[in-house]
PDB file of N, CA and C in Angstrom:
ATOM      1  N   UNK A   1     160.497 129.982  94.532  1.00  0.00           N
ATOM      2  CA  UNK A   1     161.555 129.163  95.264  1.00  0.00           C
ATOM      3  C   UNK A   1     161.585 127.987  94.036  1.00  0.00           C
ATOM      4  N   UNK A   2     162.986 127.778  93.873  1.00  0.00           N
ATOM      5  CA  UNK A   2     163.067 126.580  92.791  1.00  0.00           C
ATOM      6  C   UNK A   2     163.139 125.179  93.395  1.00  0.00           C
ATOM      7  N   UNK A   3     162.446 124.605  93.966  1.00  0.00           N
ATOM      8  CA  UNK A   3     161.921 123.130  94.822  1.00  0.00           C
ATOM      9  C   UNK A   3     163.087 122.312  94.247  1.00  0.00           C
ATOM     10  N   UNK A   4     163.171 121.915  92.739  1.00  0.00           N
ATOM     11  CA  UNK A   4     164.319 121.030  92.231  1.00  0.00           C
ATOM     12  C   UNK A   4     165.488 121.503  92.707  1.00  0.00           C
ATOM     13  N   UNK A   5     166.065 122.782  92.526  1.00  0.00           N
ATOM     14  CA  UNK A   5     167.119 123.003  93.196  1.00  0.00           C
ATOM     15  C   UNK A   5     167.568 122.556  94.843  1.00  0.00           C
ATOM     16  N   UNK A   6     166.454 122.985  95.377  1.00  0.00           N
ATOM     17  CA  UNK A   6     166.517 122.606  96.954  1.00  0.00           C
ATOM     18  C   UNK A   6     166.700 121.259  96.883  1.00  0.00           C
ATOM     19  N   UNK A   7     165.577 120.147  96.478  1.00  0.00           N
ATOM     20  CA  UNK A   7     165.881 119.043  96.650  1.00  0.00           C
ATOM     21  C   UNK A   7     167.345 118.143  95.856  1.00  0.00           C
ATOM     22  N   UNK A   8     167.850 118.855  95.072  1.00  0.00           N
ATOM     23  CA  UNK A   8     169.142 118.205  94.538  1.00  0.00           C
ATOM     24  C   UNK A   8     170.186 118.540  95.972  1.00  0.00           C
ATOM     25  N   UNK A   9     170.142 119.600  96.223  1.00  0.00           N
ATOM     26  CA  UNK A   9     171.112 120.293  97.147  1.00  0.00           C
ATOM     27  C   UNK A   9     170.815 119.307  98.737  1.00  0.00           C
ATOM     28  N   UNK A  10     169.379 119.173  98.763  1.00  0.00           N
ATOM     29  CA  UNK A  10     169.334 118.118 100.075  1.00  0.00           C
ATOM     30  C   UNK A  10     169.563 116.844  99.743  1.00  0.00           C
ATOM     31  N   UNK A  11     169.817 116.228  98.297  1.00  0.00           N
ATOM     32  CA  UNK A  11     170.275 114.839  98.259  1.00  0.00           C
ATOM     33  C   UNK A  11     171.471 114.739  98.370  1.00  0.00           C
ATOM     34  N   UNK A  12     172.057 115.941  98.134  1.00  0.00           N
ATOM     35  CA  UNK A  12     173.671 115.989  97.999  1.00  0.00           C
ATOM     36  C   UNK A  12     173.999 115.560  99.435  1.00  0.00           C
ATOM     37  N   UNK A  13     173.597 116.679 100.482  1.00  0.00           N
ATOM     38  CA  UNK A  13     173.664 116.705 101.715  1.00  0.00           C
ATOM     39  C   UNK A  13     173.728 115.703 102.592  1.00  0.00           C
ATOM     40  N   UNK A  14     172.316 114.546 101.988  1.00  0.00           N
ATOM     41  CA  UNK A  14     172.053 113.576 102.630  1.00  0.00           C
ATOM     42  C   UNK A  14     173.094 112.462 102.147  1.00  0.00           C
ATOM     43  N   UNK A  15     174.091 112.185 101.043  1.00  0.00           N
ATOM     44  CA  UNK A  15     175.073 111.524 100.895  1.00  0.00           C
ATOM     45  C   UNK A  15     175.852 111.587 101.668  1.00  0.00           C
ATOM     46  N   UNK A  16     176.030 113.000 101.996  1.00  0.00           N
ATOM     47  CA  UNK A  16     177.586 113.267 102.642  1.00  0.00           C
ATOM     48  C   UNK A  16     177.424 112.843 104.122  1.00  0.00           C
ATOM     49  N   UNK A  17     176.162 113.396 104.677  1.00  0.00           N
ATOM     50  CA  UNK A  17     175.967 112.902 106.114  1.00  0.00           C
ATOM     51  C   UNK A  17     175.983 111.346 106.243  1.00  0.00           C
ATOM     52  N   UNK A  18     175.517 110.586 105.449  1.00  0.00           N
ATOM     53  CA  UNK A  18     175.532 109.265 105.482  1.00  0.00           C
ATOM     54  C   UNK A  18     176.988 108.600 104.965  1.00  0.00           C
ATOM     55  N   UNK A  19     177.704 109.091 104.255  1.00  0.00           N
ATOM     56  CA  UNK A  19     178.978 108.814 104.257  1.00  0.00           C
ATOM     57  C   UNK A  19     179.913 109.216 105.544  1.00  0.00           C
ATOM     58  N   UNK A  20     179.987 110.261 105.977  1.00  0.00           N
ATOM     59  CA  UNK A  20     180.094 110.475 107.463  1.00  0.00           C
ATOM     60  C   UNK A  20     179.726 109.586 108.569  1.00  0.00           C
ATOM     61  N   UNK A  21     178.669 109.376 108.818  1.00  0.00           N
ATOM     62  CA  UNK A  21     177.928 108.484 109.719  1.00  0.00           C
ATOM     63  C   UNK A  21     178.588 107.191 109.395  1.00  0.00           C
ATOM     64  N   UNK A  22     178.517 106.650 108.493  1.00  0.00           N
ATOM     65  CA  UNK A  22     178.913 105.073 108.032  1.00  0.00           C
ATOM     66  C   UNK A  22     180.250 104.868 108.610  1.00  0.00           C
ATOM     67  N   UNK A  23     181.075 106.024 108.443  1.00  0.00           N
ATOM     68  CA  UNK A  23     182.645 105.863 109.476  1.00  0.00           C
ATOM     69  C   UNK A  23     182.713 105.462 110.468  1.00  0.00           C
ATOM     70  N   UNK A  24     181.528 106.157 111.607  1.00  0.00           N
ATOM     71  CA  UNK A  24     181.593 105.895 112.830  1.00  0.00           C
ATOM     72  C   UNK A  24     180.503 104.941 113.642  1.00  0.00           C
ATOM     73  N   UNK A  25     179.481 104.849 112.464  1.00  0.00           N
ATOM     74  CA  UNK A  25     178.409 104.242 113.165  1.00  0.00           C
ATOM     75  C   UNK A  25     177.657 103.146 111.789  1.00  0.00           C
ATOM     76  N   UNK A  26     176.575 102.512 112.100  1.00  0.00           N
ATOM     77  CA  UNK A  26     175.494 101.977 111.467  1.00  0.00           C
ATOM     78  C   UNK A  26     173.930 102.531 111.960  1.00  0.00           C
ATOM     79  N   UNK A  27     173.290 102.185 110.864  1.00  0.00           N
ATOM     80  CA  UNK A  27     171.994 102.271 111.239  1.00  0.00           C
ATOM     81  C   UNK A  27     171.371 101.513 111.902  1.00  0.00           C
ATOM     82  N   UNK A  28     170.589 101.455 113.016  1.00  0.00           N
ATOM     83  CA  UNK A  28     169.750 100.755 113.943  1.00  0.00           C
ATOM     84  C   UNK A  28     168.770  99.750 113.481  1.00  0.00           C
ATOM     85  N   UNK A  29     169.053  98.496 113.205  1.00  0.00           N
ATOM     86  CA  UNK A  29     168.226  97.811 112.384  1.00  0.00           C
ATOM     87  C   UNK A  29     166.504  97.876 112.736  1.00  0.00           C
ATOM     88  N   UNK A  30     166.500  98.231 113.881  1.00  0.00           N
ATOM     89  CA  UNK A  30     165.098  98.115 114.510  1.00  0.00           C
ATOM     90  C   UNK A  30     164.435  99.443 114.187  1.00  0.00           C
ATOM     91  N   UNK A  31     165.200 100.532 114.099  1.00  0.00           N
ATOM     92  CA  UNK A  31     164.892 101.871 113.847  1.00  0.00           C
ATOM     93  C   UNK A  31     165.731 102.753 113.117  1.00  0.00           C
ATOM     94  N   UNK A  32     165.262 102.845 111.821  1.00  0.00           N
ATOM     95  CA  UNK A  32     165.898 103.423 110.530  1.00  0.00           C
ATOM     96  C   UNK A  32     166.638 104.956 111.057  1.00  0.00           C
ATOM     97  N   UNK A  33     165.643 105.738 111.694  1.00  0.00           N
ATOM     98  CA  UNK A  33     165.948 107.021 112.010  1.00  0.00           C
ATOM     99  C   UNK A  33     167.300 107.056 112.942  1.00  0.00           C
ATOM    100  N   UNK A  34     167.578 105.949 113.787  1.00  0.00           N
ATOM    101  CA  UNK A  34     168.614 105.993 114.836  1.00  0.00           C
ATOM    102  C   UNK A  34     169.859 105.186 114.251  1.00  0.00           C
ATOM    103  N   UNK A  35     170.907 106.093 114.625  1.00  0.00           N
ATOM    104  CA  UNK A  35     172.189 105.298 114.621  1.00  0.00           C
ATOM    105  C   UNK A  35     172.975 104.733 115.713  1.00  0.00           C
ATOM    106  N   UNK A  36     173.564 103.902 115.648  1.00  0.00           N
ATOM    107  CA  UNK A  36     174.427 103.484 116.736  1.00  0.00           C
ATOM    108  C   UNK A  36     175.983 103.387 116.158  1.00  0.00           C
ATOM    109  N   UNK A  37     177.013 103.451 117.363  1.00  0.00           N
ATOM    110  CA  UNK A  37     178.169 103.565 117.120  1.00  0.00           C
ATOM    111  C   UNK A  37     178.845 102.476 116.756  1.00  0.00           C
ATOM    112  N   UNK A  38     180.029 102.666 115.877  1.00  0.00           N
ATOM    113  CA  UNK A  38     180.435 101.369 115.678  1.00  0.00           C
ATOM    114  C   UNK A  38     181.143 100.317 116.844  1.00  0.00           C
ATOM    115  N   UNK A  39     181.020  99.464 117.191  1.00  0.00           N
ATOM    116  CA  UNK A  39     181.326  98.345 118.082  1.00  0.00           C
ATOM    117  C   UNK A  39     182.964  98.213 117.832  1.00  0.00           C
ATOM    118  N   UNK A  40     183.510  97.864 118.745  1.00  0.00           N
ATOM    119  CA  UNK A  40     185.115  97.585 118.708  1.00  0.00           C
ATOM    120  C   UNK A  40     185.043  95.701 118.403  1.00  0.00           C
ATOM    121  N   UNK A  41     186.125  95.883 117.279  1.00  0.00           N
ATOM    122  CA  UNK A  41     186.549  94.234 117.046  1.00  0.00           C
ATOM    123  C   UNK A  41     187.628  93.802 118.045  1.00  0.00           C
ATOM    124  N   UNK A  42     187.935  94.600 118.743  1.00  0.00           N
ATOM    125  CA  UNK A  42     189.214  94.474 119.837  1.00  0.00           C
ATOM    126  C   UNK A  42     189.009  93.250 120.553  1.00  0.00           C
ATOM    127  N   UNK A  43     189.807  92.145 120.599  1.00  0.00           N
ATOM    128  CA  UNK A  43     189.713  90.692 121.017  1.00  0.00           C
ATOM    129  C   UNK A  43     190.310  91.428 122.627  1.00  0.00           C
ATOM    130  N   UNK A  44     189.159  91.403 123.780  1.00  0.00           N
ATOM    131  CA  UNK A  44     189.628  91.780 125.181  1.00  0.00           C
ATOM    132  C   UNK A  44     190.383  90.692 125.661  1.00  0.00           C
ATOM    133  N   UNK A  45     190.317  89.430 125.433  1.00  0.00           N
ATOM    134  CA  UNK A  45     191.525  88.345 126.142  1.00  0.00           C
ATOM    135  C   UNK A  45     192.939  88.828 125.689  1.00  0.00           C
ATOM    136  N   UNK A  46     193.312  89.511 124.509  1.00  0.00           N
ATOM    137  CA  UNK A  46     194.592  89.584 124.064  1.00  0.00           C
ATOM    138  C   UNK A  46     195.125  91.112 124.008  1.00  0.00           C
ATOM    139  N   UNK A  47     194.112  91.581 124.315  1.00  0.00           N
ATOM    140  CA  UNK A  47     194.569  93.400 124.166  1.00  0.00           C
ATOM    141  C   UNK A  47     195.021  93.721 125.562  1.00  0.00           C
ATOM    142  N   UNK A  48     196.134  94.753 125.498  1.00  0.00           N
ATOM    143  CA  UNK A  48     195.770  95.088 126.943  1.00  0.00           C
ATOM    144  C   UNK A  48     195.335  96.484 127.474  1.00  0.00           C
ATOM    145  N   UNK A  49     195.278  96.799 128.615  1.00  0.00           N
ATOM    146  CA  UNK A  49     194.941  97.627 129.372  1.00  0.00           C
ATOM    147  C   UNK A  49     194.698  99.211 128.433  1.00  0.00           C
ATOM    148  N   UNK A  50     195.958  99.299 127.899  1.00  0.00           N
ATOM    149  CA  UNK A  50     195.880 100.814 126.928  1.00  0.00           C
ATOM    150  C   UNK A  50     195.058 100.665 125.786  1.00  0.00           C
ATOM    151  N   UNK A  51     194.887  99.564 125.041  1.00  0.00           N
ATOM    152  CA  UNK A  51     194.464  99.490 123.751  1.00  0.00           C
ATOM    153  C   UNK A  51     193.003  99.211 124.050  1.00  0.00           C
ATOM    154  N   UNK A  52     192.484  98.821 124.981  1.00  0.00           N
ATOM    155  CA  UNK A  52     191.188  98.569 125.567  1.00  0.00           C
ATOM    156  C   UNK A  52     190.305 100.201 125.828  1.00  0.00           C
ATOM    157  N   UNK A  53     191.044 101.000 126.692  1.00  0.00           N
ATOM    158  CA  UNK A  53     190.954 102.399 126.845  1.00  0.00           C
ATOM    159  C   UNK A  53     190.871 103.283 125.454  1.00  0.00           C
ATOM    160  N   UNK A  54     191.762 102.835 124.799  1.00  0.00           N
ATOM    161  CA  UNK A  54     191.718 103.632 123.379  1.00  0.00           C
ATOM    162  C   UNK A  54     190.338 103.339 122.545  1.00  0.00           C
ATOM    163  N   UNK A  55     190.013 101.941 122.544  1.00  0.00           N
ATOM    164  CA  UNK A  55     188.842 101.664 121.895  1.00  0.00           C
ATOM    165  C   UNK A  55     187.748 102.090 122.467  1.00  0.00           C
ATOM    166  N   UNK A  56     187.753 102.097 123.764  1.00  0.00           N
ATOM    167  CA  UNK A  56     186.644 103.138 124.303  1.00  0.00           C
ATOM    168  C   UNK A  56     186.634 104.426 124.373  1.00  0.00           C
ATOM    169  N   UNK A  57     187.370 104.843 124.178  1.00  0.00           N
ATOM    170  CA  UNK A  57     187.629 106.299 123.541  1.00  0.00           C
ATOM    171  C   UNK A  57     187.079 106.715 122.587  1.00  0.00           C
ATOM    172  N   UNK A  58     187.097 105.722 121.388  1.00  0.00           N
ATOM    173  CA  UNK A  58     187.299 105.843 119.936  1.00  0.00           C
ATOM    174  C   UNK A  58     185.386 105.752 119.720  1.00  0.00           C
ATOM    175  N   UNK A  59     185.319 104.437 120.833  1.00  0.00           N
ATOM    176  CA  UNK A  59     183.698 104.509 120.445  1.00  0.00           C
ATOM    177  C   UNK A  59     182.801 105.368 121.396  1.00  0.00           C
ATOM    178  N   UNK A  60     183.233 106.331 122.311  1.00  0.00           N
ATOM    179  CA  UNK A  60     182.637 107.391 122.996  1.00  0.00           C
ATOM    180  C   UNK A  60     182.494 108.470 122.040  1.00  0.00           C
ATOM    181  N   UNK A  61     183.951 108.586 121.084  1.00  0.00           N
ATOM    182  CA  UNK A  61     184.071 109.922 120.015  1.00  0.00           C
ATOM    183  C   UNK A  61     183.058 109.312 119.253  1.00  0.00           C
ATOM    184  N   UNK A  62     183.049 108.102 118.557  1.00  0.00           N
ATOM    185  CA  UNK A  62     182.023 108.022 117.806  1.00  0.00           C
ATOM    186  C   UNK A  62     180.232 108.401 117.822  1.00  0.00           C
ATOM    187  N   UNK A  63     179.985 108.194 119.514  1.00  0.00           N
ATOM    188  CA  UNK A  63     178.840 108.000 119.751  1.00  0.00           C
ATOM    189  C   UNK A  63     178.649 109.894 119.860  1.00  0.00           C
ATOM    190  N   UNK A  64     179.685 110.372 120.403  1.00  0.00           N
ATOM    191  CA  UNK A  64     179.389 111.891 120.136  1.00  0.00           C
ATOM    192  C   UNK A  64     179.215 112.679 118.690  1.00  0.00           C
ATOM    193  N   UNK A  65     180.038 112.124 117.796  1.00  0.00           N
ATOM    194  CA  UNK A  65     179.672 112.399 116.330  1.00  0.00           C
ATOM    195  C   UNK A  65     178.532 111.972 115.865  1.00  0.00           C
ATOM    196  N   UNK A  66     178.120 110.967 116.135  1.00  0.00           N
ATOM    197  CA  UNK A  66     176.593 110.565 115.832  1.00  0.00           C
ATOM    198  C   UNK A  66     175.423 111.331 116.246  1.00  0.00           C
ATOM    199  N   UNK A  67     175.649 111.807 117.779  1.00  0.00           N
ATOM    200  CA  UNK A  67     174.610 112.599 118.486  1.00  0.00           C
ATOM    201  C   UNK A  67     174.305 113.697 117.662  1.00  0.00           C
ATOM    202  N   UNK A  68     175.554 114.144 116.954  1.00  0.00           N
ATOM    203  CA  UNK A  68     175.609 115.656 116.134  1.00  0.00           C
ATOM    204  C   UNK A  68     175.061 115.407 114.742  1.00  0.00           C
ATOM    205  N   UNK A  69     175.605 114.665 114.235  1.00  0.00           N
ATOM    206  CA  UNK A  69     174.990 114.363 112.637  1.00  0.00           C
ATOM    207  C   UNK A  69     173.701 113.578 112.494  1.00  0.00           C
ATOM    208  N   UNK A  70     173.080 112.550 113.702  1.00  0.00           N
ATOM    209  CA  UNK A  70     171.900 112.207 113.439  1.00  0.00           C
ATOM    210  C   UNK A  70     170.588 113.047 113.341  1.00  0.00           C
ATOM    211  N   UNK A  71     170.565 113.786 114.020  1.00  0.00           N
ATOM    212  CA  UNK A  71     169.173 115.137 113.795  1.00  0.00           C
ATOM    213  C   UNK A  71     169.636 115.961 112.590  1.00  0.00           C
ATOM    214  N   UNK A  72     170.672 115.887 112.170  1.00  0.00           N
ATOM    215  CA  UNK A  72     170.616 116.702 111.032  1.00  0.00           C
ATOM    216  C   UNK A  72     170.221 115.786 109.696  1.00  0.00           C
ATOM    217  N   UNK A  73     170.894 114.711 109.623  1.00  0.00           N
ATOM    218  CA  UNK A  73     170.592 113.330 108.917  1.00  0.00           C
ATOM    219  C   UNK A  73     169.047 113.373 108.721  1.00  0.00           C
ATOM    220  N   UNK A  74     168.415 113.442 109.940  1.00  0.00           N
ATOM    221  CA  UNK A  74     166.882 113.142 110.039  1.00  0.00           C
ATOM    222  C   UNK A  74     165.813 114.555 109.344  1.00  0.00           C
ATOM    223  N   UNK A  75     166.722 115.576 110.247  1.00  0.00           N
ATOM    224  CA  UNK A  75     166.068 116.597 109.504  1.00  0.00           C
ATOM    225  C   UNK A  75     165.947 116.785 107.692  1.00  0.00           C
ATOM    226  N   UNK A  76     167.067 116.380 107.043  1.00  0.00           N
ATOM    227  CA  UNK A  76     167.510 116.197 105.924  1.00  0.00           C
ATOM    228  C   UNK A  76     166.414 115.064 105.028  1.00  0.00           C
ATOM    229  N   UNK A  77     166.217 114.227 105.666  1.00  0.00           N
ATOM    230  CA  UNK A  77     165.293 113.182 105.297  1.00  0.00           C
ATOM    231  C   UNK A  77     163.966 113.172 105.313  1.00  0.00           C
ATOM    232  N   UNK A  78     163.694 114.067 106.369  1.00  0.00           N
ATOM    233  CA  UNK A  78     162.095 114.783 106.848  1.00  0.00           C
ATOM    234  C   UNK A  78     161.791 115.706 105.437  1.00  0.00           C
ATOM    235  N   UNK A  79     162.816 116.850 105.328  1.00  0.00           N
ATOM    236  CA  UNK A  79     162.661 117.624 104.157  1.00  0.00           C
ATOM    237  C   UNK A  79     162.416 117.270 102.636  1.00  0.00           C
ATOM    238  N   UNK A  80     163.023 116.053 102.160  1.00  0.00           N
ATOM    239  CA  UNK A  80     163.011 115.293 101.165  1.00  0.00           C
ATOM    240  C   UNK A  80     161.738 114.683 101.200  1.00  0.00           C
ATOM    241  N   UNK A  81     161.153 114.160 102.160  1.00  0.00           N
ATOM    242  CA  UNK A  81     159.685 113.532 102.348  1.00  0.00           C
ATOM    243  C   UNK A  81     158.534 114.751 102.098  1.00  0.00           C
ATOM    244  N   UNK A  82     158.988 115.770 102.387  1.00  0.00           N
ATOM    245  CA  UNK A  82     158.152 116.817 102.701  1.00  0.00           C
ATOM    246  C   UNK A  82     158.061 117.481 100.997  1.00  0.00           C
ATOM    247  N   UNK A  83     159.119 117.503 100.606  1.00  0.00           N
ATOM    248  CA  UNK A  83     158.948 117.940  98.899  1.00  0.00           C
ATOM    249  C   UNK A  83     157.959 116.796  98.397  1.00  0.00           C
ATOM    250  N   UNK A  84     158.464 115.510  98.723  1.00  0.00           N
ATOM    251  CA  UNK A  84     157.560 114.662  97.789  1.00  0.00           C
ATOM    252  C   UNK A  84     155.960 114.722  98.123  1.00  0.00           C
ATOM    253  N   UNK A  85     155.509 115.069  99.266  1.00  0.00           N
ATOM    254  CA  UNK A  85     154.486 115.188 100.005  1.00  0.00           C
ATOM    255  C   UNK A  85     153.776 116.747  99.615  1.00  0.00           C
ATOM    256  N   UNK A  86     154.470 117.645  98.855  1.00  0.00           N
ATOM    257  CA  UNK A  86     154.010 118.973  98.940  1.00  0.00           C
ATOM    258  C   UNK A  86     153.924 119.567  99.886  1.00  0.00           C
ATOM    259  N   UNK A  87     154.584 119.484 101.069  1.00  0.00           N
ATOM    260  CA  UNK A  87     154.067 120.149 102.231  1.00  0.00           C
ATOM    261  C   UNK A  87     155.892 120.874 102.755  1.00  0.00           C
ATOM    262  N   UNK A  88     156.673 121.198 101.866  1.00  0.00           N
ATOM    263  CA  UNK A  88     157.925 121.610 102.340  1.00  0.00           C
ATOM    264  C   UNK A  88     157.801 123.112 102.316  1.00  0.00           C
ATOM    265  N   UNK A  89     158.324 123.725 103.342  1.00  0.00           N
ATOM    266  CA  UNK A  89     158.384 125.127 103.429  1.00  0.00           C
ATOM    267  C   UNK A  89     157.163 125.636 104.364  1.00  0.00           C
ATOM    268  N   UNK A  90     156.560 124.859 105.122  1.00  0.00           N
ATOM    269  CA  UNK A  90     155.598 124.838 106.001  1.00  0.00           C
ATOM    270  C   UNK A  90     156.105 124.609 107.377  1.00  0.00           C
ATOM    271  N   UNK A  91     156.067 125.826 108.425  1.00  0.00           N
ATOM    272  CA  UNK A  91     156.104 125.507 109.688  1.00  0.00           C
ATOM    273  C   UNK A  91     155.964 124.659 110.352  1.00  0.00           C
ATOM    274  N   UNK A  92     156.296 123.532 111.009  1.00  0.00           N
ATOM    275  CA  UNK A  92     155.972 122.612 111.599  1.00  0.00           C
ATOM    276  C   UNK A  92     154.859 122.685 112.870  1.00  0.00           C
ATOM    277  N   UNK A  93     155.177 124.180 113.795  1.00  0.00           N
ATOM    278  CA  UNK A  93     154.365 124.583 114.599  1.00  0.00           C
ATOM    279  C   UNK A  93     153.117 125.064 114.304  1.00  0.00           C
ATOM    280  N   UNK A  94     153.403 126.501 113.305  1.00  0.00           N
ATOM    281  CA  UNK A  94     152.498 127.343 113.187  1.00  0.00           C
ATOM    282  C   UNK A  94     151.691 127.091 111.935  1.00  0.00           C
ATOM    283  N   UNK A  95     152.355 126.479 110.958  1.00  0.00           N
ATOM    284  CA  UNK A  95     151.653 125.920 109.818  1.00  0.00           C
ATOM    285  C   UNK A  95     152.091 127.096 108.973  1.00  0.00           C
ATOM    286  N   UNK A  96     152.638 128.461 108.982  1.00  0.00           N
ATOM    287  CA  UNK A  96     153.050 129.453 108.370  1.00  0.00           C
ATOM    288  C   UNK A  96     154.160 128.973 107.398  1.00  0.00           C
ATOM    289  N   UNK A  97     154.186 129.744 106.010  1.00  0.00           N
ATOM    290  CA  UNK A  97     155.188 129.621 105.493  1.00  0.00           C
ATOM    291  C   UNK A  97     156.493 129.855 106.054  1.00  0.00           C
ATOM    292  N   UNK A  98     157.511 129.246 105.709  1.00  0.00           N
ATOM    293  CA  UNK A  98     159.263 129.342 106.403  1.00  0.00           C
ATOM    294  C   UNK A  98     159.662 130.614 105.125  1.00  0.00           C
ATOM    295  N   UNK A  99     160.217 131.616 105.248  1.00  0.00           N
ATOM    296  CA  UNK A  99     160.646 132.470 104.451  1.00  0.00           C
ATOM    297  C   UNK A  99     161.771 131.591 103.363  1.00  0.00           C
ATOM    298  N   UNK A 100     161.691 132.341 102.288  1.00  0.00           N
ATOM    299  CA  UNK A 100     162.743 131.566 101.507  1.00  0.00           C
ATOM    300  C   UNK A 100     164.454 132.002 101.892  1.00  0.00           C
ATOM    301  N   UNK A 101     164.390 133.190 102.474  1.00  0.00           N
ATOM    302  CA  UNK A 101     165.694 133.397 103.115  1.00  0.00           C
ATOM    303  C   UNK A 101     166.158 132.247 104.090  1.00  0.00           C
ATOM    304  N   UNK A 102     165.452 131.999 104.895  1.00  0.00           N
ATOM    305  CA  UNK A 102     165.647 130.733 105.905  1.00  0.00           C
ATOM    306  C   UNK A 102     165.841 129.345 105.358  1.00  0.00           C
ATOM    307  N   UNK A 103     164.992 129.436 104.185  1.00  0.00           N
ATOM    308  CA  UNK A 103     165.330 128.130 103.722  1.00  0.00           C
ATOM    309  C   UNK A 103     166.651 127.935 103.035  1.00  0.00           C
ATOM    310  N   UNK A 104     166.806 129.169 102.035  1.00  0.00           N
ATOM    311  CA  UNK A 104     168.339 129.149 101.172  1.00  0.00           C
ATOM    312  C   UNK A 104     169.222 128.948 102.539  1.00  0.00           C
ATOM    313  N   UNK A 105     169.234 129.620 103.485  1.00  0.00           N
ATOM    314  CA  UNK A 105     170.260 129.252 104.216  1.00  0.00           C
ATOM    315  C   UNK A 105     170.159 127.888 105.235  1.00  0.00           C
ATOM    316  N   UNK A 106     169.051 127.393 105.400  1.00  0.00           N
ATOM    317  CA  UNK A 106     168.968 125.918 105.979  1.00  0.00           C
ATOM    318  C   UNK A 106     167.699 125.236 105.188  1.00  0.00           C
ATOM    319  N   UNK A 107     167.955 124.575 103.924  1.00  0.00           N
ATOM    320  CA  UNK A 107     166.995 123.853 103.528  1.00  0.00           C
ATOM    321  C   UNK A 107     166.306 122.822 104.447  1.00  0.00           C
ATOM    322  N   UNK A 108     166.896 122.427 105.204  1.00  0.00           N
ATOM    323  CA  UNK A 108     165.706 121.417 106.158  1.00  0.00           C
ATOM    324  C   UNK A 108     165.510 122.072 107.352  1.00  0.00           C
ATOM    325  N   UNK A 109     165.186 123.436 107.329  1.00  0.00           N
ATOM    326  CA  UNK A 109     164.627 124.157 108.464  1.00  0.00           C
ATOM    327  C   UNK A 109     163.265 123.225 108.759  1.00  0.00           C
ATOM    328  N   UNK A 110     162.872 123.030 109.848  1.00  0.00           N
ATOM    329  CA  UNK A 110     161.394 122.568 110.016  1.00  0.00           C
ATOM    330  C   UNK A 110     160.513 123.844 110.280  1.00  0.00           C
ATOM    331  N   UNK A 111     160.910 124.736 110.946  1.00  0.00           N
ATOM    332  CA  UNK A 111     159.966 125.832 111.524  1.00  0.00           C
ATOM    333  C   UNK A 111     160.372 127.486 110.943  1.00  0.00           C
ATOM    334  N   UNK A 112     159.368 128.116 110.997  1.00  0.00           N
ATOM    335  CA  UNK A 112     159.936 129.670 110.749  1.00  0.00           C
ATOM    336  C   UNK A 112     160.588 130.083 111.984  1.00  0.00           C
ATOM    337  N   UNK A 113     161.287 131.298 111.804  1.00  0.00           N
ATOM    338  CA  UNK A 113     162.349 132.004 112.771  1.00  0.00           C
ATOM    339  C   UNK A 113     161.495 132.208 113.934  1.00  0.00           C
ATOM    340  N   UNK A 114     159.961 132.632 113.889  1.00  0.00           N
ATOM    341  CA  UNK A 114     159.571 132.622 114.771  1.00  0.00           C
ATOM    342  C   UNK A 114     159.557 131.500 116.040  1.00  0.00           C
ATOM    343  N   UNK A 115     159.116 130.377 115.252  1.00  0.00           N
ATOM    344  CA  UNK A 115     159.012 129.238 115.896  1.00  0.00           C
ATOM    345  C   UNK A 115     160.566 128.541 116.300  1.00  0.00           C
ATOM    346  N   UNK A 116     161.607 128.935 115.720  1.00  0.00           N
ATOM    347  CA  UNK A 116     162.775 128.383 115.684  1.00  0.00           C
ATOM    348  C   UNK A 116     163.325 127.710 117.385  1.00  0.00           C
ATOM    349  N   UNK A 117     162.916 128.494 118.237  1.00  0.00           N
ATOM    350  CA  UNK A 117     163.255 127.969 119.623  1.00  0.00           C
ATOM    351  C   UNK A 117     162.788 126.993 120.446  1.00  0.00           C
ATOM    352  N   UNK A 118     161.476 126.839 119.483  1.00  0.00           N
ATOM    353  CA  UNK A 118     160.476 125.587 120.004  1.00  0.00           C
ATOM    354  C   UNK A 118     160.695 123.953 119.942  1.00  0.00           C
ATOM    355  N   UNK A 119     161.868 124.133 118.738  1.00  0.00           N
ATOM    356  CA  UNK A 119     161.936 122.566 118.550  1.00  0.00           C
ATOM    357  C   UNK A 119     163.469 122.375 119.239  1.00  0.00           C
TER     358      UNK A 119
END
């Protein structure tokens, strides 16, 4: 397994995820693993009901997007940390090696196939 190629792939994925997440949110300053949706700048005193409803819908959509991207982002960051520590490719549950085929398909996989349903 070429760890350097995997590291480059993960770094590129991390950049893309961060770009997508910055469009709809920002890092939580008190917890760097958490993101929060972008708040609206709408002046509620000057806005009509439709504008407020649209902004609330946008906020909700941003929250939904982040809820899907955040776990993926954290898994990629964790995989990169494991590469640095020399623990990449080990199942977090059983400790056995994750197959190369699984890591090729999902470089940020945290578990072997046998334990994949337990996370």
